[in-house]
Amino acid sequence: MPENPPEPMQHHLRGLPAGSPEEALDCAGDLRLNGLAPVIRVPVGLVVLVGPPASGKTSFVQALIARGQIDAEAVVSSDEIRAELFGTSPAQAESDAADARIFEERDRRIVARLAAGRSAVAESTNVTPRARARLIAIARRFNAPVTMLRFDPDVTDLLQQYAERGRTDLAAADVRDYAVIMARDAGADQLRAEGATSVHDVPGRRQAITPTEAAAHFSFA
């Protein structure tokens, strides 16, 4: 299975006029979340998103970009690289050779950002120890902290999000398989044992939190 099948972008609120109803809702979300817990500060370094397909990773990073918390260039997405390299040849994009090219290019982009002293957000499923070990090894080359953000909705919510997004690249059974791997191999304690500097769960549908509200829960250096 591919490491991180594509997820559709969520509409964001950038560019809305001050005082609009949408802006008011966004501010209310900030207040509600900030009242629940202190803002989590993420240092400059490698940020690894960990979660099954349809768990909300792309919607979350799009919310961060929309709010101006990170630059779009900080996000290194294996799906976007797959589309860049093989957008017109979907059959070729699913081969082992294609995966090798995609992740070599992903690693190159992450290295370039860390070498320049900038953050990189690795957007792929990263639910297996092997996938995370490759990223952690890169961060260690630059003594960069590794922040892992877990996206772990319950299976019912995960499958509902999958259905809502009309995914055609994966079957529901595949999504369940990713969720099983997540539960088995991506607990917070295991991520710390593998070398994560810090591990945080990103709130979502289970907590009745939107991606924009979840983004307000984090502050990126």
Protein backbone atom coordinates (compact mmCIF):
# COMPACT_ATOMS: atom_id res chain seq x y z
CA MET A 1 0.00 0.00 0.00
CA PRO A 2 1.31 3.54 -0.64
CA GLU A 3 2.71 5.33 2.39
CA ASN A 4 0.23 8.18 2.29
CA PRO A 5 -2.63 8.20 -0.26
CA PRO A 6 -3.77 11.70 -1.30
CA GLU A 7 -6.27 13.55 0.80
CA PRO A 8 -8.35 16.46 -0.52
CA MET A 9 -7.62 19.99 0.68
CA GLN A 10 -10.07 21.59 3.06
CA HIS A 11 -11.43 25.05 2.24
CA HIS A 12 -9.69 27.57 4.49
CA LEU A 13 -10.49 31.05 5.83
CA ARG A 14 -7.56 33.15 4.59
CA GLY A 15 -8.60 36.37 2.94
CA LEU A 16 -11.97 36.73 4.67
CA PRO A 17 -12.85 40.27 5.72
CA ALA A 18 -12.37 41.22 9.36
CA GLY A 19 -15.50 40.72 11.39
CA SER A 20 -17.00 38.13 9.06
CA PRO A 21 -19.04 35.29 10.61
CA GLU A 22 -16.34 32.81 9.55
CA GLU A 23 -13.66 34.85 11.30
CA ALA A 24 -15.79 35.01 14.43
CA LEU A 25 -16.16 31.23 14.38
CA ASP A 26 -12.40 30.85 13.94
CA CYS A 27 -11.72 33.11 16.92
CA ALA A 28 -14.29 31.25 18.98
CA GLY A 29 -12.51 28.03 18.16
CA ASP A 30 -9.22 29.54 19.32
CA LEU A 31 -10.77 30.59 22.60
CA ARG A 32 -12.47 27.24 23.14
CA LEU A 33 -9.34 25.21 22.51
CA ASN A 34 -7.05 27.55 24.40
CA GLY A 35 -9.41 27.25 27.33
CA LEU A 36 -9.07 23.47 27.28
CA ALA A 37 -5.28 23.23 27.22
CA PRO A 38 -2.19 25.40 26.79
CA VAL A 39 -0.89 25.94 23.28
CA ILE A 40 1.73 23.35 22.32
CA ARG A 41 4.92 24.97 21.05
CA VAL A 42 6.69 23.09 18.26
CA PRO A 43 10.40 23.90 17.86
CA VAL A 44 12.23 24.33 14.58
CA GLY A 45 13.11 20.87 13.32
CA LEU A 46 11.40 17.86 11.79
CA VAL A 47 7.66 17.48 12.30
CA VAL A 48 6.38 13.99 11.49
CA LEU A 49 2.66 13.47 10.96
CA VAL A 50 1.52 9.98 11.97
CA GLY A 51 -1.91 8.68 11.04
CA PRO A 52 -3.97 6.51 8.68
CA PRO A 53 -5.39 7.86 5.42
CA ALA A 54 -8.46 10.09 5.99
CA SER A 55 -7.41 10.81 9.57
CA GLY A 56 -7.15 14.56 8.91
CA LYS A 57 -3.44 15.19 8.32
CA THR A 58 -3.80 17.21 5.14
CA SER A 59 -6.74 19.22 6.45
CA PHE A 60 -4.68 20.05 9.53
CA VAL A 61 -1.61 21.27 7.61
CA GLN A 62 -3.82 23.26 5.26
CA ALA A 63 -5.34 24.95 8.31
CA LEU A 64 -1.85 25.72 9.63
CA ILE A 65 -0.93 27.30 6.29
CA ALA A 66 -4.19 29.25 6.11
CA ARG A 67 -3.61 30.66 9.59
CA GLY A 68 -0.03 31.65 8.70
CA GLN A 69 1.47 29.30 11.28
CA ILE A 70 3.70 27.56 8.73
CA ASP A 71 4.77 28.24 5.16
CA ALA A 72 3.40 25.99 2.45
CA GLU A 73 7.00 25.20 1.48
CA ALA A 74 7.55 23.60 4.89
CA VAL A 75 5.19 20.74 4.07
CA VAL A 76 6.89 17.87 2.26
CA SER A 77 4.11 15.59 1.04
CA SER A 78 4.81 12.23 -0.55
CA ASP A 79 1.44 12.46 -2.31
CA GLU A 80 2.29 15.80 -3.88
CA ILE A 81 5.64 14.45 -5.01
CA ARG A 82 3.90 11.38 -6.45
CA ALA A 83 1.59 13.67 -8.43
CA GLU A 84 4.51 15.81 -9.61
CA LEU A 85 6.47 12.81 -10.85
CA PHE A 86 3.71 10.54 -12.10
CA GLY A 87 0.55 12.62 -12.39
CA THR A 88 -0.06 11.52 -15.97
CA SER A 89 0.93 7.89 -15.39
CA PRO A 90 -1.08 6.54 -12.44
CA ALA A 91 -0.11 2.93 -13.18
CA GLN A 92 3.60 3.77 -12.95
CA ALA A 93 3.01 5.73 -9.73
CA GLU A 94 2.11 2.55 -7.82
CA SER A 95 5.26 0.56 -8.60
CA ASP A 96 8.08 -0.16 -6.18
CA ALA A 97 10.44 1.83 -8.39
CA ALA A 98 8.08 4.80 -8.22
CA ASP A 99 7.93 4.60 -4.43
CA ALA A 100 11.73 4.62 -4.28
CA ARG A 101 11.90 7.77 -6.42
CA ILE A 102 9.16 9.48 -4.45
CA PHE A 103 10.74 8.92 -1.06
CA GLU A 104 14.23 9.76 -2.28
CA GLU A 105 12.86 13.11 -3.47
CA ARG A 106 10.98 13.58 -0.21
CA ASP A 107 14.16 12.94 1.78
CA ARG A 108 16.10 15.38 -0.42
CA ARG A 109 13.61 18.15 0.27
CA ILE A 110 13.62 17.48 4.01
CA VAL A 111 17.42 17.49 4.08
CA ALA A 112 17.51 20.82 2.23
CA ARG A 113 15.22 22.46 4.77
CA LEU A 114 16.92 21.04 7.86
CA ALA A 115 20.35 21.95 6.48
CA ALA A 116 19.13 25.54 6.12
CA GLY A 117 17.94 25.57 9.75
CA ARG A 118 14.27 25.50 8.77
CA SER A 119 11.43 23.22 9.78
CA ALA A 120 10.12 20.43 7.57
CA VAL A 121 6.74 18.78 7.98
CA ALA A 122 6.77 15.18 6.72
CA GLU A 123 3.24 14.56 5.51
CA SER A 124 2.72 10.86 4.92
CA THR A 125 1.06 8.13 6.96
CA ASN A 126 4.25 7.14 8.85
CA VAL A 127 2.38 4.47 10.79
CA THR A 128 5.19 1.89 10.57
CA PRO A 129 8.43 1.96 12.59
CA ARG A 130 10.44 1.53 9.39
CA ALA A 131 8.96 4.66 7.82
CA ARG A 132 9.64 6.70 10.94
CA ALA A 133 13.19 5.36 11.37
CA ARG A 134 14.13 6.74 7.97
CA LEU A 135 12.91 10.20 8.96
CA ILE A 136 14.48 10.13 12.42
CA ALA A 137 17.83 9.22 10.88
CA ILE A 138 17.67 12.32 8.69
CA ALA A 139 16.86 14.56 11.65
CA ARG A 140 19.77 13.15 13.65
CA ARG A 141 22.19 14.18 10.89
CA PHE A 142 21.32 17.79 11.71
CA ASN A 143 20.72 17.42 15.45
CA ALA A 144 17.16 18.53 14.75
CA PRO A 145 14.39 17.82 17.25
CA VAL A 146 11.68 15.45 16.05
CA THR A 147 8.10 16.36 16.92
CA MET A 148 5.57 13.65 16.13
CA LEU A 149 1.91 14.59 15.78
CA ARG A 150 -0.50 11.66 16.05
CA PHE A 151 -3.84 11.54 14.21
CA ASP A 152 -5.75 8.67 15.77
CA PRO A 153 -9.54 8.89 15.32
CA ASP A 154 -11.59 5.88 16.28
CA VAL A 155 -12.33 3.55 13.40
CA THR A 156 -15.96 4.67 13.06
CA ASP A 157 -14.94 8.31 12.66
CA LEU A 158 -12.08 7.35 10.36
CA LEU A 159 -14.35 5.41 8.01
CA GLN A 160 -16.92 8.20 8.06
CA GLN A 161 -14.26 10.71 7.05
CA TYR A 162 -13.08 8.33 4.35
CA ALA A 163 -16.63 8.01 2.99
CA GLU A 164 -17.23 11.77 3.10
CA ARG A 165 -14.13 12.41 1.02
CA GLY A 166 -15.16 10.01 -1.72
CA ARG A 167 -11.76 8.36 -1.89
CA THR A 168 -11.26 6.12 -4.91
CA ASP A 169 -7.57 5.30 -4.46
CA LEU A 170 -8.20 3.14 -1.36
CA ALA A 171 -10.87 0.72 -0.24
CA ALA A 172 -12.42 0.91 3.21
CA ALA A 173 -10.60 -2.32 4.06
CA ASP A 174 -7.28 -0.62 3.32
CA VAL A 175 -8.14 2.23 5.65
CA ARG A 176 -8.97 -0.28 8.38
CA ASP A 177 -5.62 -2.00 7.79
CA TYR A 178 -3.79 1.28 8.29
CA ALA A 179 -5.76 1.86 11.50
CA VAL A 180 -4.74 -1.57 12.80
CA ILE A 181 -1.08 -0.80 12.10
CA MET A 182 -1.46 2.58 13.79
CA ALA A 183 -2.93 0.99 16.92
CA ARG A 184 -0.22 -1.68 17.01
CA ASP A 185 2.89 0.25 16.04
CA ALA A 186 2.36 3.96 16.66
CA GLY A 187 1.50 4.47 20.30
CA ALA A 188 2.92 7.56 21.98
CA ASP A 189 5.33 5.56 24.15
CA GLN A 190 6.66 3.67 21.15
CA LEU A 191 7.22 6.89 19.20
CA ARG A 192 9.23 8.30 22.09
CA ALA A 193 11.24 5.08 22.36
CA GLU A 194 12.08 5.34 18.65
CA GLY A 195 13.61 8.77 19.15
CA ALA A 196 10.84 11.35 18.99
CA THR A 197 11.72 14.44 21.02
CA SER A 198 8.05 15.03 21.75
CA VAL A 199 4.74 13.40 20.82
CA HIS A 200 1.35 15.11 20.72
CA ASP A 201 -2.12 13.94 19.73
CA VAL A 202 -3.95 16.26 17.33
CA PRO A 203 -7.61 16.62 18.36
CA GLY A 204 -10.29 15.95 15.78
CA ARG A 205 -13.83 14.70 15.29
CA ARG A 206 -13.75 12.56 18.42
CA GLN A 207 -13.30 15.77 20.44
CA ALA A 208 -15.69 17.76 18.19
CA ILE A 209 -12.73 19.85 17.02
CA THR A 210 -12.35 21.16 13.46
CA PRO A 211 -8.96 21.26 11.68
CA THR A 212 -8.84 25.06 12.12
CA GLU A 213 -9.51 24.71 15.83
CA ALA A 214 -6.88 21.96 16.09
CA ALA A 215 -4.35 24.21 14.33
CA ALA A 216 -4.96 26.88 16.97
CA HIS A 217 -3.76 24.33 19.55
CA PHE A 218 -0.20 24.52 18.19
CA SER A 219 2.42 27.23 17.79
CA PHE A 220 5.31 26.69 15.36
CA ALA A 221 8.64 28.44 15.83
